[in-house]
Amino acid sequence: MPDPAPASFPAASVIVVGSYVQDHVWQTDRFPQPGETRRALGFSTGPGGKGFNQAIACLRQGGEVVFVGATGNDAIGANARALALDEGLACTWLVLDRVPTATAGIVVDAAGANQIMVNLAANENLSVDFLHAQSRQFSVARVLLVQLENNLDAVHAALEIGVAHDLLCVLNPAPMHAALDLELLSKCDVVTPNETEFAQLIARVSGEPLDGATLSAMGDGELHALCRMLGVATVVVTLGASGCFVSHHADLQRGDVEQYYRIAAEKVDAIDTTGAGDSFSGALVAMLARTEVPSFRECVSHANRVAAMSTERIGAAVAIPHLDEVIARFGARDKLPDQA
């Protein structure tokens, strides 16, 4: 078990409190039917977990970031910590003796769609006391990013600490948690659901079902009205091949002229959508944490490009492009001012 309050700590403008998962990925021409065994076309294993992926995405877009998460005291956990060191990602780890490191099985078909099963293990045992012991890291940050692959009391605690330190608090509400409540949403400044997660959030708020598949075809005004039901200042709905939709509260448009708008998807040769949403959220907070923050539209546009490029490679964290790759692909206008 590490010292929960080390004498020195990595100062960073972004804190990602989240999950580490060791991904095991199989490629197939099509998903097997129930009871069917199919030969895989390929296999790989590598780092994953929404929190870790998003921290890597932030780092690779030039963000100063520290990841706070939990692993088991096992070989997979040791490998996770080694991978973070190799990447140059600053981490504060809670290492647990009686709980294993999380693992996932991911099957990717020929169209790039995926099916995922995950055992969250150590991620669901992230200690609230451990998070409070990291308060000095929160005190020097600008942005906090959390997801829902940890125990909800830890997510609540991280957001409460973030609010206390006046951080911009960003929630990627994935995967949707059955116990997610409006109190948690009330602590957030920005939420970044995909269409399925957004539909689930609206159903939870309104009590009425919503088909996420209908969002792309919905009128902008109607979609904006749904976003405003969540009570969060800024909502960014990622719509896969249809790009994304941004909705701001009228009194807080974060440098944007428009209160709501769409950004089209970039044209890429997608082979694996695993981790695209994580690439988006991590890249977004990297932009939002800069000393000279561009308009929110510019931040989202950049994140959209990072997510699109991530689908052209197999895997999650390993597929996330670096900033120089994004610049080479889309032009120097994406090279935003350096962080202080």
Protein backbone atom coordinates (compact mmCIF):
# COMPACT_ATOMS: atom_id res chain seq x y z
CA MET A 1 0.00 0.00 0.00
CA PRO A 2 1.52 3.40 -0.98
CA ASP A 3 1.80 6.34 1.38
CA PRO A 4 -1.55 8.11 0.87
CA ALA A 5 0.07 11.50 1.48
CA PRO A 6 3.56 11.44 -0.08
CA ALA A 7 6.02 14.21 0.76
CA SER A 8 6.15 15.22 -2.91
CA PHE A 9 3.50 14.94 -5.57
CA PRO A 10 3.24 15.61 -9.31
CA ALA A 11 1.71 19.07 -9.82
CA ALA A 12 -0.64 19.02 -12.81
CA SER A 13 -3.39 21.17 -14.30
CA VAL A 14 -5.60 18.10 -14.89
CA ILE A 15 -6.51 15.39 -12.40
CA VAL A 16 -8.12 12.24 -13.76
CA VAL A 17 -9.68 10.09 -11.04
CA GLY A 18 -10.66 6.83 -12.64
CA SER A 19 -10.13 3.24 -13.61
CA TYR A 20 -7.35 1.05 -14.92
CA VAL A 21 -8.37 -2.09 -16.84
CA GLN A 22 -6.12 -4.55 -18.65
CA ASP A 23 -7.77 -5.01 -22.05
CA HIS A 24 -7.79 -8.33 -23.92
CA VAL A 25 -8.91 -7.69 -27.49
CA TRP A 26 -9.99 -10.22 -30.11
CA GLN A 27 -10.66 -9.35 -33.77
CA THR A 28 -13.37 -11.22 -35.68
CA ASP A 29 -15.23 -10.95 -38.98
CA ARG A 30 -18.56 -10.93 -37.09
CA PHE A 31 -19.75 -11.37 -33.53
CA PRO A 32 -20.55 -14.97 -32.55
CA GLN A 33 -24.15 -15.97 -31.98
CA PRO A 34 -25.15 -17.40 -28.56
CA GLY A 35 -23.54 -20.82 -28.21
CA GLU A 36 -21.32 -20.33 -31.28
CA THR A 37 -17.53 -20.61 -31.23
CA ARG A 38 -15.65 -18.59 -33.86
CA ARG A 39 -11.98 -18.43 -34.70
CA ALA A 40 -10.47 -15.05 -33.86
CA LEU A 41 -8.58 -13.22 -36.58
CA GLY A 42 -6.18 -11.66 -34.10
CA PHE A 43 -5.52 -10.94 -30.43
CA SER A 44 -3.79 -8.21 -28.44
CA THR A 45 -3.59 -7.09 -24.83
CA GLY A 46 -2.81 -3.67 -23.47
CA PRO A 47 -3.70 -0.90 -21.03
CA GLY A 48 -7.27 0.34 -20.82
CA GLY A 49 -9.93 1.51 -18.43
CA LYS A 50 -11.80 4.74 -19.04
CA GLY A 51 -9.83 6.76 -16.52
CA PHE A 52 -6.41 5.55 -17.67
CA ASN A 53 -7.33 5.94 -21.35
CA GLN A 54 -8.52 9.49 -20.76
CA ALA A 55 -5.39 10.38 -18.82
CA ILE A 56 -3.24 9.06 -21.68
CA ALA A 57 -5.31 11.05 -24.20
CA CYS A 58 -4.84 14.20 -22.13
CA LEU A 59 -1.11 13.59 -21.83
CA ARG A 60 -0.67 12.93 -25.55
CA GLN A 61 -2.41 16.21 -26.36
CA GLY A 62 0.10 18.12 -24.29
CA GLY A 63 -1.84 18.16 -21.03
CA GLU A 64 -0.15 18.25 -17.64
CA VAL A 65 -2.05 15.41 -15.99
CA VAL A 66 -1.93 13.10 -12.99
CA PHE A 67 -3.97 9.90 -12.86
CA VAL A 68 -5.39 8.66 -9.54
CA GLY A 69 -6.57 5.06 -9.51
CA ALA A 70 -6.46 1.60 -7.95
CA THR A 71 -4.95 -1.77 -8.89
CA GLY A 72 -4.50 -5.10 -7.21
CA ASN A 73 -1.20 -6.17 -5.73
CA ASP A 74 -0.65 -8.57 -8.64
CA ALA A 75 1.29 -8.97 -11.88
CA ILE A 76 -1.29 -7.09 -13.96
CA GLY A 77 -1.18 -4.18 -11.51
CA ALA A 78 2.62 -4.12 -11.60
CA ASN A 79 2.42 -4.08 -15.38
CA ALA A 80 -0.01 -1.15 -15.23
CA ARG A 81 2.38 0.89 -13.13
CA ALA A 82 5.27 0.03 -15.46
CA LEU A 83 3.23 1.05 -18.51
CA ALA A 84 2.44 4.41 -16.91
CA LEU A 85 6.14 4.99 -16.24
CA ASP A 86 7.03 4.12 -19.83
CA GLU A 87 4.38 6.54 -21.08
CA GLY A 88 5.57 9.30 -18.76
CA LEU A 89 2.16 9.51 -17.08
CA ALA A 90 2.27 10.73 -13.48
CA CYS A 91 0.13 8.47 -11.29
CA THR A 92 -0.92 8.09 -7.68
CA TRP A 93 -1.89 4.44 -7.17
CA LEU A 94 -3.87 2.75 -4.42
CA VAL A 95 -2.55 -0.84 -4.42
CA LEU A 96 -4.93 -3.36 -2.85
CA ASP A 97 -3.88 -6.72 -1.41
CA ARG A 98 -7.19 -8.60 -1.52
CA VAL A 99 -8.70 -7.37 -4.80
CA PRO A 100 -7.35 -8.09 -8.30
CA THR A 101 -6.57 -5.55 -10.99
CA ALA A 102 -9.48 -5.04 -13.39
CA THR A 103 -9.58 -6.87 -16.73
CA ALA A 104 -11.79 -6.72 -19.82
CA GLY A 105 -12.60 -8.94 -22.79
CA ILE A 106 -13.25 -6.97 -26.00
CA VAL A 107 -14.41 -8.41 -29.33
CA VAL A 108 -14.11 -6.16 -32.40
CA ASP A 109 -15.86 -7.04 -35.67
CA ALA A 110 -14.89 -6.22 -39.25
CA ALA A 111 -16.88 -2.96 -39.18
CA GLY A 112 -15.02 -1.70 -36.10
CA ALA A 113 -17.93 -2.19 -33.70
CA ASN A 114 -17.16 -3.75 -30.33
CA GLN A 115 -18.66 -5.82 -27.53
CA ILE A 116 -17.09 -5.53 -24.08
CA MET A 117 -17.25 -7.41 -20.79
CA VAL A 118 -15.33 -5.99 -17.83
CA ASN A 119 -14.57 -7.00 -14.25
CA LEU A 120 -13.94 -3.67 -12.51
CA ALA A 121 -12.36 -5.32 -9.44
CA ALA A 122 -9.94 -2.86 -7.76
CA ASN A 123 -11.62 0.10 -9.45
CA GLU A 124 -14.74 -0.45 -7.34
CA ASN A 125 -12.65 -0.25 -4.17
CA LEU A 126 -11.08 3.19 -4.60
CA SER A 127 -10.93 4.61 -1.08
CA VAL A 128 -12.60 7.94 -0.28
CA ASP A 129 -9.94 8.52 2.39
CA PHE A 130 -7.24 7.91 -0.22
CA LEU A 131 -8.78 10.60 -2.44
CA HIS A 132 -8.97 13.12 0.41
CA ALA A 133 -5.29 12.45 1.10
CA GLN A 134 -4.54 13.77 -2.41
CA SER A 135 -6.10 17.18 -1.72
CA ARG A 136 -2.80 18.98 -2.40
CA GLN A 137 -2.90 17.73 -5.97
CA PHE A 138 -6.42 19.13 -6.35
CA SER A 139 -5.30 22.47 -4.94
CA VAL A 140 -2.94 23.16 -7.86
CA ALA A 141 -5.13 21.79 -10.68
CA ARG A 142 -7.62 23.51 -12.98
CA VAL A 143 -9.70 20.61 -14.28
CA LEU A 144 -11.00 17.36 -12.78
CA LEU A 145 -12.19 14.48 -14.97
CA VAL A 146 -14.11 11.48 -13.60
CA GLN A 147 -16.08 8.54 -15.06
CA LEU A 148 -18.30 5.78 -13.64
CA GLU A 149 -16.02 2.72 -13.56
CA ASN A 150 -15.24 3.40 -9.88
CA ASN A 151 -17.44 3.05 -6.81
CA LEU A 152 -19.87 5.97 -6.74
CA ASP A 153 -18.84 7.15 -3.27
CA ALA A 154 -15.34 7.72 -4.68
CA VAL A 155 -16.74 9.60 -7.69
CA HIS A 156 -18.85 11.76 -5.37
CA ALA A 157 -15.81 12.41 -3.16
CA ALA A 158 -13.60 13.38 -6.09
CA LEU A 159 -16.22 15.83 -7.36
CA GLU A 160 -16.74 17.30 -3.90
CA ILE A 161 -13.00 17.89 -3.56
CA GLY A 162 -12.94 19.38 -7.05
CA VAL A 163 -15.80 21.76 -6.24
CA ALA A 164 -14.10 22.76 -2.98
CA HIS A 165 -10.97 23.71 -4.94
CA ASP A 166 -12.98 25.49 -7.65
CA LEU A 167 -11.92 23.10 -10.40
CA LEU A 168 -13.79 22.72 -13.67
CA CYS A 169 -15.47 19.36 -13.00
CA VAL A 170 -16.02 17.12 -16.03
CA LEU A 171 -17.95 13.84 -15.94
CA ASN A 172 -17.87 11.21 -18.66
CA PRO A 173 -20.94 9.23 -17.50
CA ALA A 174 -19.70 5.87 -18.73
CA PRO A 175 -20.57 3.16 -18.25
CA MET A 176 -23.96 4.24 -16.94
CA HIS A 177 -24.36 3.35 -13.27
CA ALA A 178 -27.72 2.18 -11.93
CA ALA A 179 -27.30 4.31 -8.80
CA LEU A 180 -26.29 7.53 -10.57
CA ASP A 181 -28.35 10.40 -9.11
CA LEU A 182 -29.00 14.05 -9.85
CA GLU A 183 -26.91 15.08 -6.85
CA LEU A 184 -23.81 13.79 -8.62
CA LEU A 185 -24.74 15.63 -11.82
CA SER A 186 -25.21 18.84 -9.82
CA LYS A 187 -21.49 18.82 -8.98
CA CYS A 188 -20.48 18.78 -12.66
CA ASP A 189 -19.73 21.70 -14.98
CA VAL A 190 -19.45 19.58 -18.16
CA VAL A 191 -20.77 16.10 -19.02
CA THR A 192 -19.75 14.11 -22.11
CA PRO A 193 -22.19 11.20 -22.69
CA ASN A 194 -22.50 9.22 -25.88
CA GLU A 195 -25.96 8.84 -27.41
CA THR A 196 -26.83 5.74 -25.37
CA GLU A 197 -25.67 7.26 -22.09
CA PHE A 198 -27.46 10.53 -22.85
CA ALA A 199 -30.71 8.67 -23.50
CA GLN A 200 -30.31 6.86 -20.18
CA LEU A 201 -29.66 10.14 -18.36
CA ILE A 202 -32.75 11.76 -19.87
CA ALA A 203 -34.85 8.72 -18.98
CA ARG A 204 -33.60 8.97 -15.42
CA VAL A 205 -34.43 12.68 -15.20
CA SER A 206 -37.76 12.63 -17.03
CA GLY A 207 -39.03 9.13 -16.29
CA GLU A 208 -39.73 8.76 -20.02
CA PRO A 209 -37.80 6.37 -22.33
CA LEU A 210 -35.64 7.84 -25.08
CA ASP A 211 -34.09 5.93 -27.97
CA GLY A 212 -30.47 7.00 -28.33
CA ALA A 213 -30.50 5.96 -31.98
CA THR A 214 -32.90 8.83 -32.73
CA LEU A 215 -30.65 11.64 -31.48
CA SER A 216 -28.65 12.18 -34.67
CA ALA A 217 -31.82 12.87 -36.66
CA MET A 218 -33.37 15.08 -33.98
CA GLY A 219 -33.65 18.83 -34.54
CA ASP A 220 -31.02 20.94 -32.81
CA GLY A 221 -33.59 22.88 -30.77
CA GLU A 222 -35.24 19.71 -29.53
CA LEU A 223 -31.91 18.12 -28.62
CA HIS A 224 -30.81 21.31 -26.85
CA ALA A 225 -34.02 21.28 -24.79
CA LEU A 226 -33.29 17.71 -23.71
CA CYS A 227 -29.74 18.66 -22.72
CA ARG A 228 -31.05 21.49 -20.54
CA MET A 229 -33.09 18.95 -18.56
CA LEU A 230 -29.89 17.57 -17.01
CA GLY A 231 -29.16 20.75 -15.06
CA VAL A 232 -25.49 20.77 -16.13
CA ALA A 233 -24.02 23.99 -17.55
CA THR A 234 -22.46 22.33 -20.61
CA VAL A 235 -23.49 19.03 -22.21
CA VAL A 236 -21.50 17.45 -25.05
CA VAL A 237 -23.23 14.46 -26.66
CA THR A 238 -20.89 12.36 -28.78
CA LEU A 239 -22.80 10.85 -31.71
CA GLY A 240 -20.26 8.49 -33.26
CA ALA A 241 -20.22 8.81 -37.04
CA SER A 242 -22.57 11.81 -36.74
CA GLY A 243 -20.05 13.89 -34.79
CA CYS A 244 -21.16 15.61 -31.61
CA PHE A 245 -23.66 18.12 -30.23
CA VAL A 246 -22.86 20.90 -27.75
CA SER A 247 -25.41 22.57 -25.48
CA HIS A 248 -24.60 25.43 -23.07
CA HIS A 249 -26.64 27.15 -20.41
CA ALA A 250 -27.57 30.61 -21.72
CA ASP A 251 -25.47 32.34 -19.05
CA LEU A 252 -22.31 30.25 -19.54
CA GLN A 253 -21.29 29.65 -23.15
CA ARG A 254 -17.52 29.24 -22.49
CA GLY A 255 -16.39 31.58 -25.26
CA ASP A 256 -18.87 30.27 -27.83
CA VAL A 257 -21.11 32.57 -29.87
CA GLU A 258 -23.83 29.92 -30.21
CA GLN A 259 -25.64 28.40 -27.26
CA TYR A 260 -25.91 25.06 -29.07
CA TYR A 261 -24.46 23.56 -32.25
CA ARG A 262 -23.21 20.41 -33.97
CA ILE A 263 -19.71 19.49 -35.10
CA ALA A 264 -19.50 16.97 -37.92
CA ALA A 265 -17.43 13.81 -37.63
CA GLU A 266 -14.06 13.72 -39.37
CA LYS A 267 -13.68 11.33 -42.29
CA VAL A 268 -11.43 8.46 -41.24
CA ASP A 269 -10.95 4.78 -42.03
CA ALA A 270 -12.31 3.36 -38.77
CA ILE A 271 -11.34 -0.19 -37.85
CA ASP A 272 -11.90 -0.16 -34.06
CA THR A 273 -14.09 2.26 -32.10
CA THR A 274 -12.85 0.99 -28.71
CA GLY A 275 -11.73 3.96 -26.63
CA ALA A 276 -12.90 6.67 -29.03
CA GLY A 277 -15.08 8.26 -26.36
CA ASP A 278 -12.16 8.16 -23.92
CA SER A 279 -9.91 9.82 -26.50
CA PHE A 280 -12.52 12.57 -26.87
CA SER A 281 -12.92 13.28 -23.15
CA GLY A 282 -9.19 13.19 -22.42
CA ALA A 283 -8.35 15.48 -25.33
CA LEU A 284 -11.15 17.85 -24.35
CA VAL A 285 -9.87 18.39 -20.81
CA ALA A 286 -6.32 18.86 -22.12
CA MET A 287 -7.61 21.81 -24.13
CA LEU A 288 -9.81 23.16 -21.33
CA ALA A 289 -6.91 23.15 -18.87
CA ARG A 290 -4.67 25.40 -20.95
CA THR A 291 -3.70 28.78 -19.55
CA GLU A 292 -5.16 30.50 -22.60
CA VAL A 293 -8.32 28.46 -23.15
CA PRO A 294 -9.64 28.57 -26.72
CA SER A 295 -13.36 28.78 -27.35
CA PHE A 296 -15.23 25.66 -26.31
CA ARG A 297 -16.01 24.97 -29.97
CA GLU A 298 -12.27 24.85 -30.75
CA CYS A 299 -11.67 22.51 -27.81
CA VAL A 300 -14.46 20.17 -28.94
CA SER A 301 -13.31 20.28 -32.55
CA HIS A 302 -9.83 19.17 -31.53
CA ALA A 303 -11.19 16.43 -29.28
CA ASN A 304 -13.41 15.26 -32.14
CA ARG A 305 -10.35 14.85 -34.36
CA VAL A 306 -8.38 12.96 -31.72
CA ALA A 307 -11.30 10.57 -31.22
CA ALA A 308 -11.68 10.02 -34.97
CA MET A 309 -7.98 9.23 -35.43
CA SER A 310 -8.07 6.77 -32.53
CA THR A 311 -10.51 4.58 -34.47
CA GLU A 312 -7.95 3.93 -37.20
CA ARG A 313 -5.87 1.71 -34.89
CA ILE A 314 -6.64 -1.42 -32.87
CA GLY A 315 -6.85 -0.99 -29.11
CA ALA A 316 -7.73 1.69 -26.56
CA ALA A 317 -4.87 3.64 -24.93
CA VAL A 318 -2.36 2.38 -27.49
CA ALA A 319 -4.52 3.78 -30.34
CA ILE A 320 -4.68 7.39 -29.08
CA PRO A 321 -2.73 9.76 -31.35
CA HIS A 322 -0.19 12.32 -30.15
CA LEU A 323 -0.66 16.05 -30.68
CA ASP A 324 1.93 16.21 -33.47
CA GLU A 325 0.03 13.47 -35.35
CA VAL A 326 -3.20 15.45 -35.10
CA ILE A 327 -1.43 18.57 -36.34
CA ALA A 328 0.09 16.64 -39.25
CA ARG A 329 -3.34 15.29 -40.19
CA PHE A 330 -5.47 18.41 -39.80
CA GLY A 331 -3.06 21.35 -39.95
CA ALA A 332 -1.14 23.71 -37.70
CA ARG A 333 -4.31 25.53 -36.64
CA ASP A 334 -4.70 22.70 -34.11
CA LYS A 335 -1.47 23.67 -32.38
CA LEU A 336 -2.95 25.61 -29.52
CA PRO A 337 -0.95 27.79 -27.10
CA ASP A 338 1.33 25.93 -24.73
CA GLN A 339 0.28 25.40 -21.16
CA ALA A 340 1.95 27.43 -18.46
